[in-house]
């Protein structure tokens, strides 16, 4: 004899329906990258330019992966939209020192990211995320710049979770 599960057991197994999100669209207004090096050489200046070119594309992809529609132009005062400001401060450290003595903190690179979401209608801040990390080791000293972009992705993922938790008002 086969016994069917009770209604309460089926209800307990069912996933809770997600409440509609208040924010579904994002527009990135600013990405500010600051190299924390008082006397950067040409290589570091070129690396900074490369990162500034890569960040808009990686930011767009991450936001889309997190379920947000990314506008190419400022949507104006549209309900359900946020404007994002991204600031990243970084010091790539010394790759050679990380390779030789990274376990002890020699040559470590550091990155700090702050992302703020501002409601497109009210102009008020609705969510902020700060993320910091350091790279101490890695094969051949590690890829600091990939690490820095990953830090921005982590901050965006955390911010997107905060935005997703804000329910759409019932009308």
C-alpha atoms as a PDB file:
ATOM      1  CA  UNK A   1       0.000   0.000   0.000  1.00  0.00           C
ATOM      2  CA  UNK A   2       1.412   3.359  -1.018  1.00  0.00           C
ATOM      3  CA  UNK A   3       0.749   6.254   1.272  1.00  0.00           C
ATOM      4  CA  UNK A   4       0.645   9.720  -0.243  1.00  0.00           C
ATOM      5  CA  UNK A   5       2.364  12.482   1.683  1.00  0.00           C
ATOM      6  CA  UNK A   6       0.111  14.719   3.716  1.00  0.00           C
ATOM      7  CA  UNK A   7      -0.747  18.228   2.553  1.00  0.00           C
ATOM      8  CA  UNK A   8       1.289  19.752   5.408  1.00  0.00           C
ATOM      9  CA  UNK A   9       4.347  17.681   4.404  1.00  0.00           C
ATOM     10  CA  UNK A  10       4.027  18.834   0.792  1.00  0.00           C
ATOM     11  CA  UNK A  11       3.651  22.433   1.921  1.00  0.00           C
ATOM     12  CA  UNK A  12       6.752  22.151   4.092  1.00  0.00           C
ATOM     13  CA  UNK A  13       8.732  20.829   1.129  1.00  0.00           C
ATOM     14  CA  UNK A  14       7.548  23.553  -1.228  1.00  0.00           C
ATOM     15  CA  UNK A  15       9.876  26.476  -1.679  1.00  0.00           C
ATOM     16  CA  UNK A  16       8.659  29.791  -0.410  1.00  0.00           C
ATOM     17  CA  UNK A  17       7.737  32.037  -3.291  1.00  0.00           C
ATOM     18  CA  UNK A  18      10.130  34.956  -3.620  1.00  0.00           C
ATOM     19  CA  UNK A  19       8.632  38.356  -3.051  1.00  0.00           C
ATOM     20  CA  UNK A  20       9.005  40.651  -6.068  1.00  0.00           C
ATOM     21  CA  UNK A  21      12.154  42.765  -5.888  1.00  0.00           C
ATOM     22  CA  UNK A  22      11.846  46.509  -5.538  1.00  0.00           C
ATOM     23  CA  UNK A  23      15.041  47.067  -7.539  1.00  0.00           C
ATOM     24  CA  UNK A  24      15.476  45.301 -10.860  1.00  0.00           C
ATOM     25  CA  UNK A  25      17.518  47.796 -12.872  1.00  0.00           C
ATOM     26  CA  UNK A  26      20.962  49.305 -12.250  1.00  0.00           C
ATOM     27  CA  UNK A  27      22.999  52.028 -13.862  1.00  0.00           C
ATOM     28  CA  UNK A  28      26.664  52.474 -12.962  1.00  0.00           C
ATOM     29  CA  UNK A  29      27.332  56.210 -12.635  1.00  0.00           C
ATOM     30  CA  UNK A  30      30.918  56.111 -11.410  1.00  0.00           C
ATOM     31  CA  UNK A  31      33.794  53.680 -11.137  1.00  0.00           C
ATOM     32  CA  UNK A  32      36.706  55.335  -9.371  1.00  0.00           C
ATOM     33  CA  UNK A  33      39.989  53.430  -9.183  1.00  0.00           C
ATOM     34  CA  UNK A  34      42.688  54.798  -6.905  1.00  0.00           C
ATOM     35  CA  UNK A  35      46.226  53.401  -6.903  1.00  0.00           C
ATOM     36  CA  UNK A  36      47.740  53.763  -3.434  1.00  0.00           C
ATOM     37  CA  UNK A  37      51.318  54.233  -4.528  1.00  0.00           C
ATOM     38  CA  UNK A  38      53.067  57.571  -4.001  1.00  0.00           C
ATOM     39  CA  UNK A  39      55.573  56.956  -6.818  1.00  0.00           C
ATOM     40  CA  UNK A  40      54.092  54.501  -9.345  1.00  0.00           C
ATOM     41  CA  UNK A  41      56.250  53.343 -12.231  1.00  0.00           C
ATOM     42  CA  UNK A  42      55.008  53.183 -15.833  1.00  0.00           C
ATOM     43  CA  UNK A  43      53.987  49.513 -15.472  1.00  0.00           C
ATOM     44  CA  UNK A  44      51.671  50.277 -12.545  1.00  0.00           C
ATOM     45  CA  UNK A  45      50.156  53.222 -14.388  1.00  0.00           C
ATOM     46  CA  UNK A  46      49.492  50.993 -17.420  1.00  0.00           C
ATOM     47  CA  UNK A  47      48.044  48.260 -15.184  1.00  0.00           C
ATOM     48  CA  UNK A  48      45.688  50.835 -13.619  1.00  0.00           C
ATOM     49  CA  UNK A  49      44.498  51.947 -17.065  1.00  0.00           C
ATOM     50  CA  UNK A  50      43.902  48.312 -18.037  1.00  0.00           C
ATOM     51  CA  UNK A  51      41.889  47.701 -14.874  1.00  0.00           C
ATOM     52  CA  UNK A  52      39.837  50.857 -15.483  1.00  0.00           C
ATOM     53  CA  UNK A  53      39.016  49.501 -18.951  1.00  0.00           C
ATOM     54  CA  UNK A  54      38.086  46.006 -17.682  1.00  0.00           C
ATOM     55  CA  UNK A  55      35.964  47.009 -14.682  1.00  0.00           C
ATOM     56  CA  UNK A  56      32.912  48.351 -16.579  1.00  0.00           C
ATOM     57  CA  UNK A  57      32.514  45.072 -18.513  1.00  0.00           C
ATOM     58  CA  UNK A  58      33.116  42.827 -15.498  1.00  0.00           C
ATOM     59  CA  UNK A  59      30.767  44.989 -13.400  1.00  0.00           C
ATOM     60  CA  UNK A  60      28.002  44.733 -16.013  1.00  0.00           C
ATOM     61  CA  UNK A  61      28.404  40.951 -16.228  1.00  0.00           C
ATOM     62  CA  UNK A  62      28.338  40.493 -12.453  1.00  0.00           C
ATOM     63  CA  UNK A  63      25.218  42.646 -12.044  1.00  0.00           C
ATOM     64  CA  UNK A  64      23.470  40.699 -14.811  1.00  0.00           C
ATOM     65  CA  UNK A  65      24.536  37.412 -13.197  1.00  0.00           C
ATOM     66  CA  UNK A  66      22.893  38.689 -10.005  1.00  0.00           C
ATOM     67  CA  UNK A  67      19.570  39.224 -11.818  1.00  0.00           C
ATOM     68  CA  UNK A  68      19.710  42.962 -12.456  1.00  0.00           C
ATOM     69  CA  UNK A  69      19.087  44.629 -15.805  1.00  0.00           C
ATOM     70  CA  UNK A  70      21.971  47.001 -16.507  1.00  0.00           C
ATOM     71  CA  UNK A  71      21.106  50.221 -18.325  1.00  0.00           C
ATOM     72  CA  UNK A  72      23.564  51.689 -20.835  1.00  0.00           C
ATOM     73  CA  UNK A  73      22.417  55.216 -20.089  1.00  0.00           C
ATOM     74  CA  UNK A  74      21.024  56.844 -16.983  1.00  0.00           C
ATOM     75  CA  UNK A  75      17.347  55.800 -16.880  1.00  0.00           C
ATOM     76  CA  UNK A  76      16.393  58.969 -15.033  1.00  0.00           C
ATOM     77  CA  UNK A  77      13.918  58.881 -12.142  1.00  0.00           C
ATOM     78  CA  UNK A  78      12.506  55.411 -12.844  1.00  0.00           C
ATOM     79  CA  UNK A  79      10.898  53.302 -10.124  1.00  0.00           C
ATOM     80  CA  UNK A  80      12.835  50.081  -9.536  1.00  0.00           C
ATOM     81  CA  UNK A  81      16.174  51.508 -10.648  1.00  0.00           C
ATOM     82  CA  UNK A  82      19.331  52.262  -8.688  1.00  0.00           C
ATOM     83  CA  UNK A  83      22.404  54.243  -9.590  1.00  0.00           C
ATOM     84  CA  UNK A  84      25.637  52.606  -8.466  1.00  0.00           C
ATOM     85  CA  UNK A  85      28.835  54.298  -7.385  1.00  0.00           C
ATOM     86  CA  UNK A  86      31.904  52.073  -7.140  1.00  0.00           C
ATOM     87  CA  UNK A  87      35.172  53.121  -5.515  1.00  0.00           C
ATOM     88  CA  UNK A  88      38.227  50.896  -5.361  1.00  0.00           C
ATOM     89  CA  UNK A  89      41.493  51.735  -3.598  1.00  0.00           C
ATOM     90  CA  UNK A  90      44.349  49.324  -4.136  1.00  0.00           C
ATOM     91  CA  UNK A  91      48.027  48.708  -3.641  1.00  0.00           C
ATOM     92  CA  UNK A  92      49.299  45.790  -5.731  1.00  0.00           C
ATOM     93  CA  UNK A  93      52.254  45.240  -3.393  1.00  0.00           C
ATOM     94  CA  UNK A  94      55.319  43.486  -4.727  1.00  0.00           C
ATOM     95  CA  UNK A  95      54.741  40.291  -6.711  1.00  0.00           C
ATOM     96  CA  UNK A  96      58.343  39.093  -6.354  1.00  0.00           C
ATOM     97  CA  UNK A  97      58.228  39.467  -2.568  1.00  0.00           C
ATOM     98  CA  UNK A  98      54.856  37.644  -2.449  1.00  0.00           C
ATOM     99  CA  UNK A  99      56.421  34.774  -4.378  1.00  0.00           C
ATOM    100  CA  UNK A 100      59.439  34.527  -2.064  1.00  0.00           C
ATOM    101  CA  UNK A 101      57.989  35.454   1.329  1.00  0.00           C
ATOM    102  CA  UNK A 102      54.239  35.804   0.870  1.00  0.00           C
ATOM    103  CA  UNK A 103      53.443  33.419   3.690  1.00  0.00           C
ATOM    104  CA  UNK A 104      54.857  35.979   6.085  1.00  0.00           C
ATOM    105  CA  UNK A 105      53.038  38.947   4.523  1.00  0.00           C
ATOM    106  CA  UNK A 106      55.959  40.242   2.467  1.00  0.00           C
ATOM    107  CA  UNK A 107      54.852  42.076  -0.675  1.00  0.00           C
ATOM    108  CA  UNK A 108      51.149  41.699   0.061  1.00  0.00           C
ATOM    109  CA  UNK A 109      48.698  43.523  -2.146  1.00  0.00           C
ATOM    110  CA  UNK A 110      45.571  45.114  -0.709  1.00  0.00           C
ATOM    111  CA  UNK A 111      42.234  46.159  -2.168  1.00  0.00           C
ATOM    112  CA  UNK A 112      39.272  48.006  -0.631  1.00  0.00           C
ATOM    113  CA  UNK A 113      35.976  48.383  -2.473  1.00  0.00           C
ATOM    114  CA  UNK A 114      32.923  50.450  -1.609  1.00  0.00           C
ATOM    115  CA  UNK A 115      29.705  50.197  -3.613  1.00  0.00           C
ATOM    116  CA  UNK A 116      26.685  52.404  -2.964  1.00  0.00           C
ATOM    117  CA  UNK A 117      23.225  52.001  -4.502  1.00  0.00           C
ATOM    118  CA  UNK A 118      21.132  55.167  -4.732  1.00  0.00           C
ATOM    119  CA  UNK A 119      17.403  55.080  -5.512  1.00  0.00           C
ATOM    120  CA  UNK A 120      16.889  56.634  -8.964  1.00  0.00           C
ATOM    121  CA  UNK A 121      13.673  58.374  -7.880  1.00  0.00           C
ATOM    122  CA  UNK A 122      14.436  59.645  -4.371  1.00  0.00           C
ATOM    123  CA  UNK A 123      18.212  60.011  -4.632  1.00  0.00           C
ATOM    124  CA  UNK A 124      18.533  58.344  -1.229  1.00  0.00           C
ATOM    125  CA  UNK A 125      21.064  55.648  -0.467  1.00  0.00           C
ATOM    126  CA  UNK A 126      19.339  52.247  -0.267  1.00  0.00           C
ATOM    127  CA  UNK A 127      22.317  49.925   0.239  1.00  0.00           C
ATOM    128  CA  UNK A 128      26.062  50.112   0.726  1.00  0.00           C
ATOM    129  CA  UNK A 129      28.670  47.378   0.677  1.00  0.00           C
ATOM    130  CA  UNK A 130      32.316  47.569   1.676  1.00  0.00           C
ATOM    131  CA  UNK A 131      34.787  44.786   1.000  1.00  0.00           C
ATOM    132  CA  UNK A 132      38.514  44.578   1.743  1.00  0.00           C
ATOM    133  CA  UNK A 133      41.034  41.827   1.192  1.00  0.00           C
ATOM    134  CA  UNK A 134      44.746  41.239   0.778  1.00  0.00           C
ATOM    135  CA  UNK A 135      46.759  38.915  -1.436  1.00  0.00           C
ATOM    136  CA  UNK A 136      49.701  37.379   0.337  1.00  0.00           C
ATOM    137  CA  UNK A 137      50.647  34.455  -1.875  1.00  0.00           C
ATOM    138  CA  UNK A 138      49.949  32.768  -5.172  1.00  0.00           C
ATOM    139  CA  UNK A 139      51.659  30.840  -7.908  1.00  0.00           C
ATOM    140  CA  UNK A 140      54.569  33.013  -9.102  1.00  0.00           C
ATOM    141  CA  UNK A 141      53.310  35.759  -6.781  1.00  0.00           C
ATOM    142  CA  UNK A 142      49.709  35.565  -7.980  1.00  0.00           C
ATOM    143  CA  UNK A 143      47.613  37.702 -10.326  1.00  0.00           C
ATOM    144  CA  UNK A 144      46.839  40.752  -8.223  1.00  0.00           C
ATOM    145  CA  UNK A 145      44.706  42.495 -10.851  1.00  0.00           C
ATOM    146  CA  UNK A 146      42.426  39.482 -11.320  1.00  0.00           C
ATOM    147  CA  UNK A 147      42.215  39.343  -7.534  1.00  0.00           C
ATOM    148  CA  UNK A 148      41.191  43.043  -7.442  1.00  0.00           C
ATOM    149  CA  UNK A 149      38.428  42.518 -10.021  1.00  0.00           C
ATOM    150  CA  UNK A 150      37.225  39.512  -7.992  1.00  0.00           C
ATOM    151  CA  UNK A 151      37.022  41.813  -4.944  1.00  0.00           C
ATOM    152  CA  UNK A 152      34.734  44.191  -6.870  1.00  0.00           C
ATOM    153  CA  UNK A 153      32.624  41.192  -7.944  1.00  0.00           C
ATOM    154  CA  UNK A 154      32.340  40.060  -4.308  1.00  0.00           C
ATOM    155  CA  UNK A 155      31.201  43.523  -3.204  1.00  0.00           C
ATOM    156  CA  UNK A 156      28.649  43.647  -6.054  1.00  0.00           C
ATOM    157  CA  UNK A 157      27.324  40.192  -5.174  1.00  0.00           C
ATOM    158  CA  UNK A 158      26.847  41.212  -1.532  1.00  0.00           C
ATOM    159  CA  UNK A 159      25.177  44.482  -2.573  1.00  0.00           C
ATOM    160  CA  UNK A 160      22.856  42.634  -4.977  1.00  0.00           C
ATOM    161  CA  UNK A 161      21.784  40.350  -2.116  1.00  0.00           C
ATOM    162  CA  UNK A 162      20.931  43.412  -0.028  1.00  0.00           C
ATOM    163  CA  UNK A 163      18.928  44.893  -2.916  1.00  0.00           C
ATOM    164  CA  UNK A 164      17.110  41.599  -3.514  1.00  0.00           C
ATOM    165  CA  UNK A 165      16.038  41.573   0.132  1.00  0.00           C
ATOM    166  CA  UNK A 166      14.173  44.875  -0.307  1.00  0.00           C
ATOM    167  CA  UNK A 167      10.622  43.840  -1.291  1.00  0.00           C
ATOM    168  CA  UNK A 168       8.577  45.698  -3.863  1.00  0.00           C
ATOM    169  CA  UNK A 169       5.897  47.743  -2.079  1.00  0.00           C
ATOM    170  CA  UNK A 170       2.383  46.343  -2.344  1.00  0.00           C
ATOM    171  CA  UNK A 171       0.085  48.714  -4.207  1.00  0.00           C
END
